[in-house]
Amino acid sequence: MAKLKKIFAIAGVILLIGMYLLTFMSAMFATPNTHSLFLGSLAATIIVPVFLYTYTLIYKVVYKNRENQENKEQKD
């Protein structure tokens, strides 16, 4: 679980940094898409961490149930 959390955390950080850099570069060159990229980065700043947190909660619930079932089977 810890290894998977680290992988998703690193992927989330890379995704956010990439989007921030894209937005920053777009703002420096004043492209027509600057406003859209900024709004996308702003939305992703909220959505990506929430998605990763939700995924880890679901992962914990699913594997906790599997572990409980395995433990019950071993006791029987």
PDB file of N, CA and C in Angstrom:
ATOM      1  N   MET A   1       0.823  -1.193   0.000  1.00  0.00           N
ATOM      2  CA  MET A   1       0.000   0.000   0.000  1.00  0.00           C
ATOM      3  C   MET A   1       0.866   1.256   0.000  1.00  0.00           C
ATOM      4  N   ALA A   2       1.921   1.264   0.792  1.00  0.00           N
ATOM      5  CA  ALA A   2       2.776   2.444   0.886  1.00  0.00           C
ATOM      6  C   ALA A   2       3.456   2.727  -0.446  1.00  0.00           C
ATOM      7  N   LYS A   3       3.879   1.678  -1.125  1.00  0.00           N
ATOM      8  CA  LYS A   3       4.546   1.854  -2.418  1.00  0.00           C
ATOM      9  C   LYS A   3       3.571   2.425  -3.442  1.00  0.00           C
ATOM     10  N   LEU A   4       2.341   1.947  -3.440  1.00  0.00           N
ATOM     11  CA  LEU A   4       1.330   2.434  -4.372  1.00  0.00           C
ATOM     12  C   LEU A   4       0.985   3.891  -4.077  1.00  0.00           C
ATOM     13  N   LYS A   5       0.917   4.247  -2.806  1.00  0.00           N
ATOM     14  CA  LYS A   5       0.651   5.636  -2.427  1.00  0.00           C
ATOM     15  C   LYS A   5       1.744   6.555  -2.943  1.00  0.00           C
ATOM     16  N   LYS A   6       2.998   6.120  -2.800  1.00  0.00           N
ATOM     17  CA  LYS A   6       4.114   6.924  -3.270  1.00  0.00           C
ATOM     18  C   LYS A   6       4.054   7.116  -4.776  1.00  0.00           C
ATOM     19  N   ILE A   7       3.720   6.065  -5.497  1.00  0.00           N
ATOM     20  CA  ILE A   7       3.633   6.150  -6.955  1.00  0.00           C
ATOM     21  C   ILE A   7       2.557   7.140  -7.367  1.00  0.00           C
ATOM     22  N   PHE A   8       1.379   7.054  -6.767  1.00  0.00           N
ATOM     23  CA  PHE A   8       0.295   7.974  -7.107  1.00  0.00           C
ATOM     24  C   PHE A   8       0.617   9.402  -6.670  1.00  0.00           C
ATOM     25  N   ALA A   9       1.275   9.573  -5.550  1.00  0.00           N
ATOM     26  CA  ALA A   9       1.654  10.910  -5.099  1.00  0.00           C
ATOM     27  C   ALA A   9       2.645  11.545  -6.068  1.00  0.00           C
ATOM     28  N   ILE A  10       3.624  10.774  -6.498  1.00  0.00           N
ATOM     29  CA  ILE A  10       4.607  11.288  -7.446  1.00  0.00           C
ATOM     30  C   ILE A  10       3.947  11.607  -8.778  1.00  0.00           C
ATOM     31  N   ALA A  11       3.049  10.744  -9.237  1.00  0.00           N
ATOM     32  CA  ALA A  11       2.342  10.998 -10.497  1.00  0.00           C
ATOM     33  C   ALA A  11       1.501  12.264 -10.397  1.00  0.00           C
ATOM     34  N   GLY A  12       0.839  12.466  -9.273  1.00  0.00           N
ATOM     35  CA  GLY A  12       0.034  13.670  -9.068  1.00  0.00           C
ATOM     36  C   GLY A  12       0.886  14.926  -9.055  1.00  0.00           C
ATOM     37  N   VAL A  13       2.032  14.864  -8.397  1.00  0.00           N
ATOM     38  CA  VAL A  13       2.930  16.020  -8.341  1.00  0.00           C
ATOM     39  C   VAL A  13       3.460  16.350  -9.733  1.00  0.00           C
ATOM     40  N   ILE A  14       3.862  15.328 -10.479  1.00  0.00           N
ATOM     41  CA  ILE A  14       4.367  15.548 -11.837  1.00  0.00           C
ATOM     42  C   ILE A  14       3.280  16.146 -12.717  1.00  0.00           C
ATOM     43  N   LEU A  15       2.067  15.642 -12.600  1.00  0.00           N
ATOM     44  CA  LEU A  15       0.953  16.166 -13.389  1.00  0.00           C
ATOM     45  C   LEU A  15       0.691  17.637 -13.066  1.00  0.00           C
ATOM     46  N   LEU A  16       0.636  17.972 -11.793  1.00  0.00           N
ATOM     47  CA  LEU A  16       0.376  19.362 -11.399  1.00  0.00           C
ATOM     48  C   LEU A  16       1.512  20.292 -11.817  1.00  0.00           C
ATOM     49  N   ILE A  17       2.751  19.884 -11.607  1.00  0.00           N
ATOM     50  CA  ILE A  17       3.883  20.723 -11.993  1.00  0.00           C
ATOM     51  C   ILE A  17       3.906  20.933 -13.502  1.00  0.00           C
ATOM     52  N   GLY A  18       3.631  19.875 -14.248  1.00  0.00           N
ATOM     53  CA  GLY A  18       3.588  19.999 -15.707  1.00  0.00           C
ATOM     54  C   GLY A  18       2.532  20.990 -16.164  1.00  0.00           C
ATOM     55  N   MET A  19       1.369  20.924 -15.551  1.00  0.00           N
ATOM     56  CA  MET A  19       0.309  21.854 -15.928  1.00  0.00           C
ATOM     57  C   MET A  19       0.660  23.288 -15.533  1.00  0.00           C
ATOM     58  N   TYR A  20       1.295  23.468 -14.368  1.00  0.00           N
ATOM     59  CA  TYR A  20       1.694  24.808 -13.957  1.00  0.00           C
ATOM     60  C   TYR A  20       2.745  25.374 -14.910  1.00  0.00           C
ATOM     61  N   LEU A  21       3.693  24.543 -15.296  1.00  0.00           N
ATOM     62  CA  LEU A  21       4.711  25.006 -16.235  1.00  0.00           C
ATOM     63  C   LEU A  21       4.104  25.363 -17.585  1.00  0.00           C
ATOM     64  N   LEU A  22       3.173  24.554 -18.057  1.00  0.00           N
ATOM     65  CA  LEU A  22       2.497  24.839 -19.324  1.00  0.00           C
ATOM     66  C   LEU A  22       1.734  26.159 -19.244  1.00  0.00           C
ATOM     67  N   THR A  23       1.048  26.377 -18.141  1.00  0.00           N
ATOM     68  CA  THR A  23       0.308  27.619 -17.957  1.00  0.00           C
ATOM     69  C   THR A  23       1.262  28.808 -17.875  1.00  0.00           C
ATOM     70  N   PHE A  24       2.344  28.640 -17.154  1.00  0.00           N
ATOM     71  CA  PHE A  24       3.323  29.722 -17.016  1.00  0.00           C
ATOM     72  C   PHE A  24       3.947  30.075 -18.361  1.00  0.00           C
ATOM     73  N   MET A  25       4.342  29.067 -19.113  1.00  0.00           N
ATOM     74  CA  MET A  25       4.932  29.313 -20.435  1.00  0.00           C
ATOM     75  C   MET A  25       3.914  29.973 -21.360  1.00  0.00           C
ATOM     76  N   SER A  26       2.684  29.541 -21.295  1.00  0.00           N
ATOM     77  CA  SER A  26       1.636  30.124 -22.114  1.00  0.00           C
ATOM     78  C   SER A  26       1.420  31.589 -21.750  1.00  0.00           C
ATOM     79  N   ALA A  27       1.468  31.904 -20.466  1.00  0.00           N
ATOM     80  CA  ALA A  27       1.291  33.290 -20.021  1.00  0.00           C
ATOM     81  C   ALA A  27       2.464  34.153 -20.463  1.00  0.00           C
ATOM     82  N   MET A  28       3.661  33.593 -20.458  1.00  0.00           N
ATOM     83  CA  MET A  28       4.834  34.359 -20.875  1.00  0.00           C
ATOM     84  C   MET A  28       4.762  34.712 -22.360  1.00  0.00           C
ATOM     85  N   PHE A  29       4.255  33.806 -23.160  1.00  0.00           N
ATOM     86  CA  PHE A  29       4.183  34.043 -24.598  1.00  0.00           C
ATOM     87  C   PHE A  29       2.833  34.621 -25.021  1.00  0.00           C
ATOM     88  N   ALA A  30       1.939  34.842 -24.078  1.00  0.00           N
ATOM     89  CA  ALA A  30       0.635  35.465 -24.309  1.00  0.00           C
ATOM     90  C   ALA A  30      -0.135  34.794 -25.447  1.00  0.00           C
ATOM     91  N   THR A  31      -0.330  33.513 -25.314  1.00  0.00           N
ATOM     92  CA  THR A  31      -1.102  32.795 -26.323  1.00  0.00           C
ATOM     93  C   THR A  31      -2.591  32.977 -26.056  1.00  0.00           C
ATOM     94  N   PRO A  32      -3.421  32.711 -27.044  1.00  0.00           N
ATOM     95  CA  PRO A  32      -4.871  32.850 -26.841  1.00  0.00           C
ATOM     96  C   PRO A  32      -5.440  31.847 -25.834  1.00  0.00           C
ATOM     97  N   ASN A  33      -4.724  30.773 -25.581  1.00  0.00           N
ATOM     98  CA  ASN A  33      -5.215  29.727 -24.674  1.00  0.00           C
ATOM     99  C   ASN A  33      -4.810  29.957 -23.218  1.00  0.00           C
ATOM    100  N   THR A  34      -4.180  31.065 -22.909  1.00  0.00           N
ATOM    101  CA  THR A  34      -3.674  31.301 -21.555  1.00  0.00           C
ATOM    102  C   THR A  34      -4.779  31.228 -20.512  1.00  0.00           C
ATOM    103  N   HIS A  35      -5.889  31.849 -20.753  1.00  0.00           N
ATOM    104  CA  HIS A  35      -6.986  31.855 -19.782  1.00  0.00           C
ATOM    105  C   HIS A  35      -7.530  30.438 -19.569  1.00  0.00           C
ATOM    106  N   SER A  36      -7.700  29.696 -20.637  1.00  0.00           N
ATOM    107  CA  SER A  36      -8.205  28.319 -20.525  1.00  0.00           C
ATOM    108  C   SER A  36      -7.226  27.429 -19.778  1.00  0.00           C
ATOM    109  N   LEU A  37      -5.938  27.585 -20.064  1.00  0.00           N
ATOM    110  CA  LEU A  37      -4.935  26.788 -19.363  1.00  0.00           C
ATOM    111  C   LEU A  37      -4.883  27.129 -17.884  1.00  0.00           C
ATOM    112  N   PHE A  38      -5.039  28.403 -17.559  1.00  0.00           N
ATOM    113  CA  PHE A  38      -5.060  28.800 -16.152  1.00  0.00           C
ATOM    114  C   PHE A  38      -6.246  28.175 -15.430  1.00  0.00           C
ATOM    115  N   LEU A  39      -7.415  28.239 -16.044  1.00  0.00           N
ATOM    116  CA  LEU A  39      -8.602  27.650 -15.421  1.00  0.00           C
ATOM    117  C   LEU A  39      -8.462  26.133 -15.285  1.00  0.00           C
ATOM    118  N   GLY A  40      -7.857  25.496 -16.283  1.00  0.00           N
ATOM    119  CA  GLY A  40      -7.620  24.056 -16.202  1.00  0.00           C
ATOM    120  C   GLY A  40      -6.667  23.707 -15.080  1.00  0.00           C
ATOM    121  N   SER A  41      -5.614  24.491 -14.930  1.00  0.00           N
ATOM    122  CA  SER A  41      -4.658  24.263 -13.841  1.00  0.00           C
ATOM    123  C   SER A  41      -5.302  24.493 -12.487  1.00  0.00           C
ATOM    124  N   LEU A  42      -6.123  25.502 -12.404  1.00  0.00           N
ATOM    125  CA  LEU A  42      -6.823  25.785 -11.152  1.00  0.00           C
ATOM    126  C   LEU A  42      -7.758  24.637 -10.782  1.00  0.00           C
ATOM    127  N   ALA A  43      -8.493  24.142 -11.756  1.00  0.00           N
ATOM    128  CA  ALA A  43      -9.398  23.021 -11.502  1.00  0.00           C
ATOM    129  C   ALA A  43      -8.613  21.761 -11.127  1.00  0.00           C
ATOM    130  N   ALA A  44      -7.518  21.513 -11.821  1.00  0.00           N
ATOM    131  CA  ALA A  44      -6.718  20.320 -11.539  1.00  0.00           C
ATOM    132  C   ALA A  44      -6.054  20.397 -10.173  1.00  0.00           C
ATOM    133  N   THR A  45      -5.761  21.604  -9.712  1.00  0.00           N
ATOM    134  CA  THR A  45      -5.181  21.774  -8.382  1.00  0.00           C
ATOM    135  C   THR A  45      -6.125  21.229  -7.318  1.00  0.00           C
ATOM    136  N   ILE A  46      -7.401  21.306  -7.573  1.00  0.00           N
ATOM    137  CA  ILE A  46      -8.389  20.796  -6.636  1.00  0.00           C
ATOM    138  C   ILE A  46      -8.739  19.344  -6.944  1.00  0.00           C
ATOM    139  N   ILE A  47      -8.948  19.034  -8.208  1.00  0.00           N
ATOM    140  CA  ILE A  47      -9.453  17.714  -8.609  1.00  0.00           C
ATOM    141  C   ILE A  47      -8.429  16.596  -8.429  1.00  0.00           C
ATOM    142  N   VAL A  48      -7.173  16.825  -8.813  1.00  0.00           N
ATOM    143  CA  VAL A  48      -6.162  15.756  -8.744  1.00  0.00           C
ATOM    144  C   VAL A  48      -5.942  15.277  -7.309  1.00  0.00           C
ATOM    145  N   PRO A  49      -5.693  16.148  -6.330  1.00  0.00           N
ATOM    146  CA  PRO A  49      -5.521  15.640  -4.963  1.00  0.00           C
ATOM    147  C   PRO A  49      -6.781  14.951  -4.408  1.00  0.00           C
ATOM    148  N   VAL A  50      -7.945  15.484  -4.733  1.00  0.00           N
ATOM    149  CA  VAL A  50      -9.183  14.854  -4.265  1.00  0.00           C
ATOM    150  C   VAL A  50      -9.330  13.464  -4.877  1.00  0.00           C
ATOM    151  N   PHE A  51      -9.032  13.346  -6.167  1.00  0.00           N
ATOM    152  CA  PHE A  51      -9.093  12.046  -6.838  1.00  0.00           C
ATOM    153  C   PHE A  51      -8.119  11.054  -6.210  1.00  0.00           C
ATOM    154  N   LEU A  52      -6.894  11.483  -5.968  1.00  0.00           N
ATOM    155  CA  LEU A  52      -5.901  10.590  -5.371  1.00  0.00           C
ATOM    156  C   LEU A  52      -6.303  10.170  -3.959  1.00  0.00           C
ATOM    157  N   TYR A  53      -6.837  11.096  -3.178  1.00  0.00           N
ATOM    158  CA  TYR A  53      -7.285  10.773  -1.826  1.00  0.00           C
ATOM    159  C   TYR A  53      -8.452   9.780  -1.866  1.00  0.00           C
ATOM    160  N   THR A  54      -9.382  10.016  -2.781  1.00  0.00           N
ATOM    161  CA  THR A  54     -10.525   9.113  -2.925  1.00  0.00           C
ATOM    162  C   THR A  54     -10.066   7.725  -3.344  1.00  0.00           C
ATOM    163  N   TYR A  55      -9.126   7.677  -4.252  1.00  0.00           N
ATOM    164  CA  TYR A  55      -8.608   6.386  -4.708  1.00  0.00           C
ATOM    165  C   TYR A  55      -7.963   5.617  -3.556  1.00  0.00           C
ATOM    166  N   THR A  56      -7.183   6.299  -2.726  1.00  0.00           N
ATOM    167  CA  THR A  56      -6.547   5.597  -1.614  1.00  0.00           C
ATOM    168  C   THR A  56      -7.577   5.117  -0.590  1.00  0.00           C
ATOM    169  N   LEU A  57      -8.641   5.898  -0.376  1.00  0.00           N
ATOM    170  CA  LEU A  57      -9.696   5.443   0.539  1.00  0.00           C
ATOM    171  C   LEU A  57     -10.390   4.187   0.003  1.00  0.00           C
ATOM    172  N   ILE A  58     -10.710   4.204  -1.278  1.00  0.00           N
ATOM    173  CA  ILE A  58     -11.360   3.039  -1.893  1.00  0.00           C
ATOM    174  C   ILE A  58     -10.428   1.835  -1.843  1.00  0.00           C
ATOM    175  N   TYR A  59      -9.156   2.059  -2.110  1.00  0.00           N
ATOM    176  CA  TYR A  59      -8.169   0.977  -2.071  1.00  0.00           C
ATOM    177  C   TYR A  59      -8.112   0.355  -0.681  1.00  0.00           C
ATOM    178  N   LYS A  60      -8.108   1.202   0.348  1.00  0.00           N
ATOM    179  CA  LYS A  60      -8.077   0.693   1.722  1.00  0.00           C
ATOM    180  C   LYS A  60      -9.307  -0.147   2.040  1.00  0.00           C
ATOM    181  N   VAL A  61     -10.466   0.309   1.630  1.00  0.00           N
ATOM    182  CA  VAL A  61     -11.708  -0.408   1.913  1.00  0.00           C
ATOM    183  C   VAL A  61     -11.716  -1.754   1.191  1.00  0.00           C
ATOM    184  N   VAL A  62     -11.342  -1.758  -0.061  1.00  0.00           N
ATOM    185  CA  VAL A  62     -11.361  -3.001  -0.849  1.00  0.00           C
ATOM    186  C   VAL A  62     -10.385  -4.018  -0.283  1.00  0.00           C
ATOM    187  N   TYR A  63      -9.155  -3.594  -0.026  1.00  0.00           N
ATOM    188  CA  TYR A  63      -8.167  -4.544   0.458  1.00  0.00           C
ATOM    189  C   TYR A  63      -8.358  -4.899   1.918  1.00  0.00           C
ATOM    190  N   LYS A  64      -8.988  -4.048   2.694  1.00  0.00           N
ATOM    191  CA  LYS A  64      -9.309  -4.394   4.073  1.00  0.00           C
ATOM    192  C   LYS A  64     -10.338  -5.526   4.080  1.00  0.00           C
ATOM    193  N   ASN A  65     -11.332  -5.433   3.207  1.00  0.00           N
ATOM    194  CA  ASN A  65     -12.333  -6.496   3.105  1.00  0.00           C
ATOM    195  C   ASN A  65     -11.695  -7.806   2.649  1.00  0.00           C
ATOM    196  N   ARG A  66     -10.770  -7.734   1.706  1.00  0.00           N
ATOM    197  CA  ARG A  66     -10.087  -8.948   1.238  1.00  0.00           C
ATOM    198  C   ARG A  66      -9.261  -9.572   2.348  1.00  0.00           C
ATOM    199  N   GLU A  67      -8.553  -8.737   3.106  1.00  0.00           N
ATOM    200  CA  GLU A  67      -7.748  -9.259   4.205  1.00  0.00           C
ATOM    201  C   GLU A  67      -8.634  -9.895   5.268  1.00  0.00           C
ATOM    202  N   ASN A  68      -9.776  -9.282   5.565  1.00  0.00           N
ATOM    203  CA  ASN A  68     -10.693  -9.839   6.553  1.00  0.00           C
ATOM    204  C   ASN A  68     -11.218 -11.201   6.091  1.00  0.00           C
ATOM    205  N   GLN A  69     -11.543 -11.312   4.803  1.00  0.00           N
ATOM    206  CA  GLN A  69     -12.023 -12.584   4.270  1.00  0.00           C
ATOM    207  C   GLN A  69     -10.935 -13.644   4.317  1.00  0.00           C
ATOM    208  N   GLU A  70      -9.691 -13.274   3.988  1.00  0.00           N
ATOM    209  CA  GLU A  70      -8.594 -14.219   4.043  1.00  0.00           C
ATOM    210  C   GLU A  70      -8.347 -14.687   5.471  1.00  0.00           C
ATOM    211  N   ASN A  71      -8.419 -13.763   6.425  1.00  0.00           N
ATOM    212  CA  ASN A  71      -8.202 -14.120   7.827  1.00  0.00           C
ATOM    213  C   ASN A  71      -9.302 -15.060   8.317  1.00  0.00           C
ATOM    214  N   LYS A  72     -10.552 -14.832   7.920  1.00  0.00           N
ATOM    215  CA  LYS A  72     -11.644 -15.712   8.305  1.00  0.00           C
ATOM    216  C   LYS A  72     -11.466 -17.102   7.720  1.00  0.00           C
ATOM    217  N   GLU A  73     -11.022 -17.162   6.467  1.00  0.00           N
ATOM    218  CA  GLU A  73     -10.821 -18.455   5.818  1.00  0.00           C
ATOM    219  C   GLU A  73      -9.699 -19.230   6.481  1.00  0.00           C
ATOM    220  N   GLN A  74      -8.640 -18.541   6.911  1.00  0.00           N
ATOM    221  CA  GLN A  74      -7.544 -19.210   7.567  1.00  0.00           C
ATOM    222  C   GLN A  74      -7.923 -19.734   8.942  1.00  0.00           C
ATOM    223  N   LYS A  75      -8.821 -19.037   9.648  1.00  0.00           N
ATOM    224  CA  LYS A  75      -9.269 -19.483  10.964  1.00  0.00           C
ATOM    225  C   LYS A  75     -10.155 -20.708  10.867  1.00  0.00           C
ATOM    226  N   ASP A  76     -10.905 -20.812   9.760  1.00  0.00           N
ATOM    227  CA  ASP A  76     -11.809 -21.960   9.598  1.00  0.00           C
ATOM    228  C   ASP A  76     -11.037 -23.147   9.197  1.00  0.00           C
TER     229      ASP A  76
END
